[in-house]
Amino acid sequence: FLEGKMPRKLSKINQSVEKIFQIIEIMANSREPLRLQDIALKADMPASTVLRLVNTLVSCGYANQDSVTLKYSLSLKFTLIGGLVSSQTSIRDIAHPFLLELSKKCKESVCLAIEQDMEVVYLDVIDGPDGILRITQRIGKVAPLHSTAVGKILMLNYDSEQLNQVITLKGLTALTPNTITCKEKLIKELKKIKSQGYALDNEECELGARCIAAGIKDYSGKIIGAISISGPITRMTMEQININKHIVIDAAQTISELMAYKD
């Protein structure tokens, strides 16, 4: 009898907990401390309910009340909690199942990369059916930013000064006749990528191969990684690229949401 009832009980939502999280989000989205009445209005809750819940946050150290204005604000204890959660969260662990699904769906090589010391570093690679890119993309391998699809995605974080710095220190080396080696062309390419939401490596890193990539964002909106689909130009035709771009963008968006990004 108890076993039959347990799943139903577990499926119920605790309304008090739901309300307190709603209040936390309201306070977090506010640029300044809020009066009790302001919180109640935004939450569409009775002031008495909000008072009880906010006082719980204060007593547990998650909120503060100004003794003069009586307004409420969240405390830095949330920063501590966020840091602890962040230390337990691995972008590779979160992205890996999606990489497997991408490779299975597209039947091509798929990778996850981050930026480190102005270079691309591959964190995870799922080989395609023929392993054609196994040499150029492997876990731990580094690659230039300017000639790879994932690299160009990661460069969207760069401001003008950082872009000049990477060009000065790393250069824009031509790996193939298609590699972008001009600063003006690179800037134009980055603007296009930002507008369309994906990057393309059209035989810029390796002749005979194309790659399409999209960025993964964290809670702050910063691009913290990129995922890509790579394959030989015989299969990765421009027609296929137009199909794959939606798949890789959707996967990157889902991973971003799991990394607490909100559009």
C-alpha atoms as a PDB file:
ATOM      1  CA  PHE A   1       0.000   0.000   0.000  1.00  0.00           C
ATOM      2  CA  LEU A   2       2.751   2.441   0.975  1.00  0.00           C
ATOM      3  CA  GLU A   3       4.789   1.614  -2.113  1.00  0.00           C
ATOM      4  CA  GLY A   4       1.787   2.353  -4.300  1.00  0.00           C
ATOM      5  CA  LYS A   5       1.306   5.756  -2.699  1.00  0.00           C
ATOM      6  CA  MET A   6       4.937   6.869  -2.638  1.00  0.00           C
ATOM      7  CA  PRO A   7       5.411   7.866  -6.316  1.00  0.00           C
ATOM      8  CA  ARG A   8       2.321  10.113  -6.136  1.00  0.00           C
ATOM      9  CA  LYS A   9       3.637  11.870  -3.024  1.00  0.00           C
ATOM     10  CA  LEU A  10       7.087  12.325  -4.520  1.00  0.00           C
ATOM     11  CA  SER A  11       5.607  13.870  -7.649  1.00  0.00           C
ATOM     12  CA  LYS A  12       3.902  16.664  -5.690  1.00  0.00           C
ATOM     13  CA  ILE A  13       5.508  20.107  -5.633  1.00  0.00           C
ATOM     14  CA  ASN A  14       6.085  21.829  -2.309  1.00  0.00           C
ATOM     15  CA  GLN A  15       4.390  25.180  -2.907  1.00  0.00           C
ATOM     16  CA  SER A  16       6.316  26.985  -0.169  1.00  0.00           C
ATOM     17  CA  VAL A  17       9.626  25.974  -1.709  1.00  0.00           C
ATOM     18  CA  GLU A  18       8.371  26.959  -5.155  1.00  0.00           C
ATOM     19  CA  LYS A  19       7.331  30.380  -3.825  1.00  0.00           C
ATOM     20  CA  ILE A  20      10.638  31.021  -2.067  1.00  0.00           C
ATOM     21  CA  PHE A  21      12.564  30.256  -5.256  1.00  0.00           C
ATOM     22  CA  GLN A  22      10.274  32.651  -7.112  1.00  0.00           C
ATOM     23  CA  ILE A  23      11.106  35.347  -4.567  1.00  0.00           C
ATOM     24  CA  ILE A  24      14.826  34.620  -4.846  1.00  0.00           C
ATOM     25  CA  GLU A  25      14.693  35.062  -8.634  1.00  0.00           C
ATOM     26  CA  ILE A  26      12.769  38.324  -8.293  1.00  0.00           C
ATOM     27  CA  MET A  27      15.346  39.694  -5.860  1.00  0.00           C
ATOM     28  CA  ALA A  28      18.245  38.441  -7.974  1.00  0.00           C
ATOM     29  CA  ASN A  29      16.893  40.177 -11.078  1.00  0.00           C
ATOM     30  CA  SER A  30      16.487  43.484  -9.266  1.00  0.00           C
ATOM     31  CA  ARG A  31      19.295  46.035  -9.548  1.00  0.00           C
ATOM     32  CA  GLU A  32      18.510  47.435  -6.105  1.00  0.00           C
ATOM     33  CA  PRO A  33      17.048  46.314  -2.764  1.00  0.00           C
ATOM     34  CA  LEU A  34      13.284  45.848  -2.750  1.00  0.00           C
ATOM     35  CA  ARG A  35      10.513  46.769  -0.334  1.00  0.00           C
ATOM     36  CA  LEU A  36       8.311  43.988   0.948  1.00  0.00           C
ATOM     37  CA  GLN A  37       5.374  45.413  -1.015  1.00  0.00           C
ATOM     38  CA  ASP A  38       7.447  45.449  -4.237  1.00  0.00           C
ATOM     39  CA  ILE A  39       8.346  41.787  -3.860  1.00  0.00           C
ATOM     40  CA  ALA A  40       4.765  40.845  -3.074  1.00  0.00           C
ATOM     41  CA  LEU A  41       3.524  42.734  -6.146  1.00  0.00           C
ATOM     42  CA  LYS A  42       6.065  41.130  -8.494  1.00  0.00           C
ATOM     43  CA  ALA A  43       5.416  37.664  -7.037  1.00  0.00           C
ATOM     44  CA  ASP A  44       1.647  38.161  -6.976  1.00  0.00           C
ATOM     45  CA  MET A  45       1.554  36.909  -3.387  1.00  0.00           C
ATOM     46  CA  PRO A  46       0.062  38.280  -0.167  1.00  0.00           C
ATOM     47  CA  ALA A  47       2.514  40.487   1.730  1.00  0.00           C
ATOM     48  CA  SER A  48       2.118  38.272   4.806  1.00  0.00           C
ATOM     49  CA  THR A  49       3.300  35.228   2.821  1.00  0.00           C
ATOM     50  CA  VAL A  50       6.242  37.111   1.359  1.00  0.00           C
ATOM     51  CA  LEU A  51       7.227  38.424   4.792  1.00  0.00           C
ATOM     52  CA  ARG A  52       7.334  34.901   6.217  1.00  0.00           C
ATOM     53  CA  LEU A  53       9.422  33.581   3.330  1.00  0.00           C
ATOM     54  CA  VAL A  54      11.818  36.539   3.148  1.00  0.00           C
ATOM     55  CA  ASN A  55      12.374  36.404   6.904  1.00  0.00           C
ATOM     56  CA  THR A  56      13.313  32.745   6.455  1.00  0.00           C
ATOM     57  CA  LEU A  57      15.942  33.794   3.915  1.00  0.00           C
ATOM     58  CA  VAL A  58      17.250  36.424   6.318  1.00  0.00           C
ATOM     59  CA  SER A  59      17.412  34.028   9.264  1.00  0.00           C
ATOM     60  CA  CYS A  60      19.350  31.504   7.141  1.00  0.00           C
ATOM     61  CA  GLY A  61      21.793  34.149   5.938  1.00  0.00           C
ATOM     62  CA  TYR A  62      20.624  34.247   2.323  1.00  0.00           C
ATOM     63  CA  ALA A  63      19.117  37.749   2.482  1.00  0.00           C
ATOM     64  CA  ASN A  64      19.712  41.028   4.294  1.00  0.00           C
ATOM     65  CA  GLN A  65      17.342  43.755   5.448  1.00  0.00           C
ATOM     66  CA  ASP A  66      18.511  47.350   5.635  1.00  0.00           C
ATOM     67  CA  SER A  67      17.802  48.653   9.134  1.00  0.00           C
ATOM     68  CA  VAL A  68      16.953  52.134   7.828  1.00  0.00           C
ATOM     69  CA  THR A  69      15.029  51.576   4.564  1.00  0.00           C
ATOM     70  CA  LEU A  70      13.755  48.129   5.615  1.00  0.00           C
ATOM     71  CA  LYS A  71      14.397  46.979   2.045  1.00  0.00           C
ATOM     72  CA  TYR A  72      15.563  43.439   1.288  1.00  0.00           C
ATOM     73  CA  SER A  73      18.455  42.166  -0.826  1.00  0.00           C
ATOM     74  CA  LEU A  74      20.128  38.803  -1.349  1.00  0.00           C
ATOM     75  CA  SER A  75      23.377  38.130   0.484  1.00  0.00           C
ATOM     76  CA  LEU A  76      26.715  36.980  -0.898  1.00  0.00           C
ATOM     77  CA  LYS A  77      26.015  33.539   0.527  1.00  0.00           C
ATOM     78  CA  PHE A  78      24.552  32.757  -2.899  1.00  0.00           C
ATOM     79  CA  THR A  79      27.984  33.488  -4.398  1.00  0.00           C
ATOM     80  CA  LEU A  80      29.486  30.845  -2.127  1.00  0.00           C
ATOM     81  CA  ILE A  81      26.822  28.326  -3.135  1.00  0.00           C
ATOM     82  CA  GLY A  82      27.335  29.201  -6.805  1.00  0.00           C
ATOM     83  CA  GLY A  83      31.069  28.651  -6.482  1.00  0.00           C
ATOM     84  CA  LEU A  84      30.564  25.256  -4.884  1.00  0.00           C
ATOM     85  CA  VAL A  85      28.108  24.204  -7.601  1.00  0.00           C
ATOM     86  CA  SER A  86      30.439  25.493 -10.314  1.00  0.00           C
ATOM     87  CA  SER A  87      33.343  23.468  -8.921  1.00  0.00           C
ATOM     88  CA  GLN A  88      31.235  20.312  -9.237  1.00  0.00           C
ATOM     89  CA  THR A  89      30.024  21.087 -12.753  1.00  0.00           C
ATOM     90  CA  SER A  90      32.097  19.898 -15.694  1.00  0.00           C
ATOM     91  CA  ILE A  91      31.187  21.179 -19.133  1.00  0.00           C
ATOM     92  CA  ARG A  92      32.613  17.958 -20.569  1.00  0.00           C
ATOM     93  CA  ASP A  93      30.365  15.762 -18.421  1.00  0.00           C
ATOM     94  CA  ILE A  94      27.307  17.803 -19.353  1.00  0.00           C
ATOM     95  CA  ALA A  95      28.101  17.985 -23.070  1.00  0.00           C
ATOM     96  CA  HIS A  96      29.250  14.391 -23.642  1.00  0.00           C
ATOM     97  CA  PRO A  97      25.790  12.775 -24.054  1.00  0.00           C
ATOM     98  CA  PHE A  98      24.875  15.475 -26.559  1.00  0.00           C
ATOM     99  CA  LEU A  99      28.087  14.890 -28.507  1.00  0.00           C
ATOM    100  CA  LEU A 100      27.243  11.209 -28.744  1.00  0.00           C
ATOM    101  CA  GLU A 101      23.756  12.044 -29.986  1.00  0.00           C
ATOM    102  CA  LEU A 102      25.127  14.561 -32.511  1.00  0.00           C
ATOM    103  CA  SER A 103      27.605  12.050 -33.914  1.00  0.00           C
ATOM    104  CA  LYS A 104      24.923   9.394 -34.135  1.00  0.00           C
ATOM    105  CA  LYS A 105      22.460  11.750 -35.830  1.00  0.00           C
ATOM    106  CA  CYS A 106      24.898  13.358 -38.276  1.00  0.00           C
ATOM    107  CA  LYS A 107      27.229  10.356 -38.704  1.00  0.00           C
ATOM    108  CA  GLU A 108      30.250  12.656 -38.488  1.00  0.00           C
ATOM    109  CA  SER A 109      33.005  13.576 -36.032  1.00  0.00           C
ATOM    110  CA  VAL A 110      31.893  15.821 -33.181  1.00  0.00           C
ATOM    111  CA  CYS A 111      33.992  17.724 -30.689  1.00  0.00           C
ATOM    112  CA  LEU A 112      33.851  20.001 -27.653  1.00  0.00           C
ATOM    113  CA  ALA A 113      36.487  22.712 -27.319  1.00  0.00           C
ATOM    114  CA  ILE A 114      37.431  25.579 -25.024  1.00  0.00           C
ATOM    115  CA  GLU A 115      39.835  28.515 -25.303  1.00  0.00           C
ATOM    116  CA  GLN A 116      43.046  28.444 -23.301  1.00  0.00           C
ATOM    117  CA  ASP A 117      46.063  30.723 -23.729  1.00  0.00           C
ATOM    118  CA  MET A 118      44.634  32.075 -26.989  1.00  0.00           C
ATOM    119  CA  GLU A 119      44.338  28.621 -28.537  1.00  0.00           C
ATOM    120  CA  VAL A 120      41.661  25.982 -29.041  1.00  0.00           C
ATOM    121  CA  VAL A 121      41.891  23.002 -26.689  1.00  0.00           C
ATOM    122  CA  TYR A 122      39.784  19.933 -27.485  1.00  0.00           C
ATOM    123  CA  LEU A 123      38.105  18.536 -24.357  1.00  0.00           C
ATOM    124  CA  ASP A 124      36.086  15.766 -25.968  1.00  0.00           C
ATOM    125  CA  VAL A 125      35.998  14.152 -29.404  1.00  0.00           C
ATOM    126  CA  ILE A 126      33.612  11.583 -30.847  1.00  0.00           C
ATOM    127  CA  ASP A 127      35.075  10.059 -34.011  1.00  0.00           C
ATOM    128  CA  GLY A 128      32.972   9.766 -37.122  1.00  0.00           C
ATOM    129  CA  PRO A 129      32.371   6.464 -38.907  1.00  0.00           C
ATOM    130  CA  ASP A 130      35.599   6.611 -40.920  1.00  0.00           C
ATOM    131  CA  GLY A 131      37.821   8.377 -38.343  1.00  0.00           C
ATOM    132  CA  ILE A 132      38.999  10.758 -41.046  1.00  0.00           C
ATOM    133  CA  LEU A 133      39.671  13.610 -38.596  1.00  0.00           C
ATOM    134  CA  ARG A 134      41.166  11.500 -35.826  1.00  0.00           C
ATOM    135  CA  ILE A 135      44.613  13.051 -36.274  1.00  0.00           C
ATOM    136  CA  THR A 136      43.572  16.703 -36.354  1.00  0.00           C
ATOM    137  CA  GLN A 137      41.013  16.486 -33.557  1.00  0.00           C
ATOM    138  CA  ARG A 138      41.865  14.540 -30.447  1.00  0.00           C
ATOM    139  CA  ILE A 139      41.399  15.197 -26.742  1.00  0.00           C
ATOM    140  CA  GLY A 140      44.038  17.569 -25.395  1.00  0.00           C
ATOM    141  CA  LYS A 141      45.231  18.700 -28.808  1.00  0.00           C
ATOM    142  CA  VAL A 142      45.525  22.450 -29.404  1.00  0.00           C
ATOM    143  CA  ALA A 143      44.670  24.310 -32.588  1.00  0.00           C
ATOM    144  CA  PRO A 144      44.629  27.932 -33.808  1.00  0.00           C
ATOM    145  CA  LEU A 145      41.585  30.062 -33.116  1.00  0.00           C
ATOM    146  CA  HIS A 146      41.386  31.842 -36.465  1.00  0.00           C
ATOM    147  CA  SER A 147      41.336  28.758 -38.714  1.00  0.00           C
ATOM    148  CA  THR A 148      38.850  26.554 -36.857  1.00  0.00           C
ATOM    149  CA  ALA A 149      35.077  26.856 -36.525  1.00  0.00           C
ATOM    150  CA  VAL A 150      35.192  26.322 -32.752  1.00  0.00           C
ATOM    151  CA  GLY A 151      38.040  28.822 -32.489  1.00  0.00           C
ATOM    152  CA  LYS A 152      36.152  31.538 -34.322  1.00  0.00           C
ATOM    153  CA  ILE A 153      33.173  30.955 -32.012  1.00  0.00           C
ATOM    154  CA  LEU A 154      35.444  31.338 -28.978  1.00  0.00           C
ATOM    155  CA  MET A 155      36.907  34.554 -30.395  1.00  0.00           C
ATOM    156  CA  LEU A 156      33.499  36.190 -30.079  1.00  0.00           C
ATOM    157  CA  ASN A 157      34.467  36.805 -26.434  1.00  0.00           C
ATOM    158  CA  TYR A 158      37.379  39.001 -27.530  1.00  0.00           C
ATOM    159  CA  ASP A 159      37.204  42.778 -27.550  1.00  0.00           C
ATOM    160  CA  SER A 160      39.291  44.834 -29.988  1.00  0.00           C
ATOM    161  CA  GLU A 161      42.337  44.924 -27.706  1.00  0.00           C
ATOM    162  CA  GLN A 162      42.274  41.164 -27.103  1.00  0.00           C
ATOM    163  CA  LEU A 163      41.868  40.516 -30.817  1.00  0.00           C
ATOM    164  CA  ASN A 164      44.942  42.616 -31.557  1.00  0.00           C
ATOM    165  CA  GLN A 165      46.833  40.753 -28.858  1.00  0.00           C
ATOM    166  CA  VAL A 166      46.058  37.295 -30.243  1.00  0.00           C
ATOM    167  CA  ILE A 167      47.024  38.427 -33.753  1.00  0.00           C
ATOM    168  CA  THR A 168      50.301  39.856 -32.445  1.00  0.00           C
ATOM    169  CA  LEU A 169      51.215  36.865 -30.281  1.00  0.00           C
ATOM    170  CA  LYS A 170      49.794  33.971 -32.307  1.00  0.00           C
ATOM    171  CA  GLY A 171      49.570  35.398 -35.814  1.00  0.00           C
ATOM    172  CA  LEU A 172      47.136  34.473 -38.556  1.00  0.00           C
ATOM    173  CA  THR A 173      49.083  31.618 -40.088  1.00  0.00           C
ATOM    174  CA  ALA A 174      47.819  30.173 -43.368  1.00  0.00           C
ATOM    175  CA  LEU A 175      47.192  26.461 -42.882  1.00  0.00           C
ATOM    176  CA  THR A 176      45.485  26.146 -46.269  1.00  0.00           C
ATOM    177  CA  PRO A 177      44.808  28.537 -49.156  1.00  0.00           C
ATOM    178  CA  ASN A 178      41.371  29.181 -47.559  1.00  0.00           C
ATOM    179  CA  THR A 179      42.642  30.294 -44.121  1.00  0.00           C
ATOM    180  CA  ILE A 180      41.777  33.848 -43.104  1.00  0.00           C
ATOM    181  CA  THR A 181      45.084  35.702 -42.747  1.00  0.00           C
ATOM    182  CA  CYS A 182      43.865  39.307 -42.781  1.00  0.00           C
ATOM    183  CA  LYS A 183      42.644  41.133 -39.654  1.00  0.00           C
ATOM    184  CA  GLU A 184      39.916  43.007 -41.548  1.00  0.00           C
ATOM    185  CA  LYS A 185      38.553  39.776 -43.048  1.00  0.00           C
ATOM    186  CA  LEU A 186      38.643  38.095 -39.631  1.00  0.00           C
ATOM    187  CA  ILE A 187      36.683  40.943 -38.034  1.00  0.00           C
ATOM    188  CA  LYS A 188      34.120  40.740 -40.855  1.00  0.00           C
ATOM    189  CA  GLU A 189      33.874  36.971 -40.373  1.00  0.00           C
ATOM    190  CA  LEU A 190      33.365  37.305 -36.604  1.00  0.00           C
ATOM    191  CA  LYS A 191      30.562  39.837 -37.121  1.00  0.00           C
ATOM    192  CA  LYS A 192      28.885  37.427 -39.531  1.00  0.00           C
ATOM    193  CA  ILE A 193      29.231  34.548 -37.040  1.00  0.00           C
ATOM    194  CA  LYS A 194      27.762  36.611 -34.215  1.00  0.00           C
ATOM    195  CA  SER A 195      24.796  37.520 -36.406  1.00  0.00           C
ATOM    196  CA  GLN A 196      24.044  34.016 -37.719  1.00  0.00           C
ATOM    197  CA  GLY A 197      24.785  32.063 -34.533  1.00  0.00           C
ATOM    198  CA  TYR A 198      27.268  29.560 -35.960  1.00  0.00           C
ATOM    199  CA  ALA A 199      30.762  29.404 -37.476  1.00  0.00           C
ATOM    200  CA  LEU A 200      32.040  27.558 -40.502  1.00  0.00           C
ATOM    201  CA  ASP A 201      35.505  26.208 -41.246  1.00  0.00           C
ATOM    202  CA  ASN A 202      35.449  25.789 -45.009  1.00  0.00           C
ATOM    203  CA  GLU A 203      38.719  23.920 -45.626  1.00  0.00           C
ATOM    204  CA  GLU A 204      40.498  26.612 -43.605  1.00  0.00           C
ATOM    205  CA  CYS A 205      42.243  24.253 -41.192  1.00  0.00           C
ATOM    206  CA  GLU A 206      42.536  21.159 -43.366  1.00  0.00           C
ATOM    207  CA  LEU A 207      41.940  20.719 -47.077  1.00  0.00           C
ATOM    208  CA  GLY A 208      39.099  18.348 -47.835  1.00  0.00           C
ATOM    209  CA  ALA A 209      37.275  18.947 -44.542  1.00  0.00           C
ATOM    210  CA  ARG A 210      34.494  21.267 -43.398  1.00  0.00           C
ATOM    211  CA  CYS A 211      33.353  21.995 -39.882  1.00  0.00           C
ATOM    212  CA  ILE A 212      30.382  23.839 -38.393  1.00  0.00           C
ATOM    213  CA  ALA A 213      30.296  25.019 -34.773  1.00  0.00           C
ATOM    214  CA  ALA A 214      28.081  26.789 -32.228  1.00  0.00           C
ATOM    215  CA  GLY A 215      28.880  28.300 -28.848  1.00  0.00           C
ATOM    216  CA  ILE A 216      28.030  27.199 -25.315  1.00  0.00           C
ATOM    217  CA  LYS A 217      27.242  30.025 -22.886  1.00  0.00           C
ATOM    218  CA  ASP A 218      27.188  30.159 -19.104  1.00  0.00           C
ATOM    219  CA  TYR A 219      24.838  32.027 -16.761  1.00  0.00           C
ATOM    220  CA  SER A 220      26.534  35.349 -17.550  1.00  0.00           C
ATOM    221  CA  GLY A 221      26.147  34.963 -21.310  1.00  0.00           C
ATOM    222  CA  LYS A 222      29.873  34.398 -21.847  1.00  0.00           C
ATOM    223  CA  ILE A 223      30.868  31.772 -24.393  1.00  0.00           C
ATOM    224  CA  ILE A 224      32.698  29.119 -22.386  1.00  0.00           C
ATOM    225  CA  GLY A 225      32.994  26.445 -25.048  1.00  0.00           C
ATOM    226  CA  ALA A 226      31.991  25.371 -28.522  1.00  0.00           C
ATOM    227  CA  ILE A 227      30.765  22.177 -30.119  1.00  0.00           C
ATOM    228  CA  SER A 228      31.245  21.259 -33.750  1.00  0.00           C
ATOM    229  CA  ILE A 229      30.418  18.753 -36.452  1.00  0.00           C
ATOM    230  CA  SER A 230      33.243  17.918 -38.868  1.00  0.00           C
ATOM    231  CA  GLY A 231      33.476  15.786 -41.971  1.00  0.00           C
ATOM    232  CA  PRO A 232      34.898  15.456 -45.472  1.00  0.00           C
ATOM    233  CA  ILE A 233      33.596  17.884 -48.088  1.00  0.00           C
ATOM    234  CA  THR A 234      32.146  14.968 -50.028  1.00  0.00           C
ATOM    235  CA  ARG A 235      29.580  14.541 -47.242  1.00  0.00           C
ATOM    236  CA  MET A 236      29.659  17.976 -45.624  1.00  0.00           C
ATOM    237  CA  THR A 237      28.291  19.744 -48.664  1.00  0.00           C
ATOM    238  CA  MET A 238      26.886  23.248 -48.276  1.00  0.00           C
ATOM    239  CA  GLU A 239      23.420  21.707 -48.471  1.00  0.00           C
ATOM    240  CA  GLN A 240      24.300  19.397 -45.584  1.00  0.00           C
ATOM    241  CA  ILE A 241      25.843  22.327 -43.699  1.00  0.00           C
ATOM    242  CA  ASN A 242      22.478  24.107 -43.874  1.00  0.00           C
ATOM    243  CA  ILE A 243      20.874  21.061 -42.264  1.00  0.00           C
ATOM    244  CA  ASN A 244      23.570  20.531 -39.639  1.00  0.00           C
ATOM    245  CA  LYS A 245      23.627  24.168 -38.529  1.00  0.00           C
ATOM    246  CA  HIS A 246      20.203  23.838 -36.922  1.00  0.00           C
ATOM    247  CA  ILE A 247      21.210  20.611 -35.190  1.00  0.00           C
ATOM    248  CA  VAL A 248      24.440  21.988 -33.713  1.00  0.00           C
ATOM    249  CA  ILE A 249      22.823  25.290 -32.675  1.00  0.00           C
ATOM    250  CA  ASP A 250      20.007  23.463 -30.877  1.00  0.00           C
ATOM    251  CA  ALA A 251      22.461  21.170 -29.088  1.00  0.00           C
ATOM    252  CA  ALA A 252      24.630  24.112 -27.995  1.00  0.00           C
ATOM    253  CA  GLN A 253      21.537  25.941 -26.736  1.00  0.00           C
ATOM    254  CA  THR A 254      20.442  22.944 -24.665  1.00  0.00           C
ATOM    255  CA  ILE A 255      23.901  22.534 -23.141  1.00  0.00           C
ATOM    256  CA  SER A 256      23.988  26.284 -22.411  1.00  0.00           C
ATOM    257  CA  GLU A 257      20.700  26.033 -20.545  1.00  0.00           C
ATOM    258  CA  LEU A 258      22.157  23.219 -18.453  1.00  0.00           C
ATOM    259  CA  MET A 259      25.054  25.570 -17.697  1.00  0.00           C
ATOM    260  CA  ALA A 260      22.415  28.023 -16.311  1.00  0.00           C
ATOM    261  CA  TYR A 261      22.306  30.299 -19.364  1.00  0.00           C
ATOM    262  CA  LYS A 262      19.033  32.149 -19.914  1.00  0.00           C
ATOM    263  CA  ASP A 263      18.318  33.753 -23.273  1.00  0.00           C
END
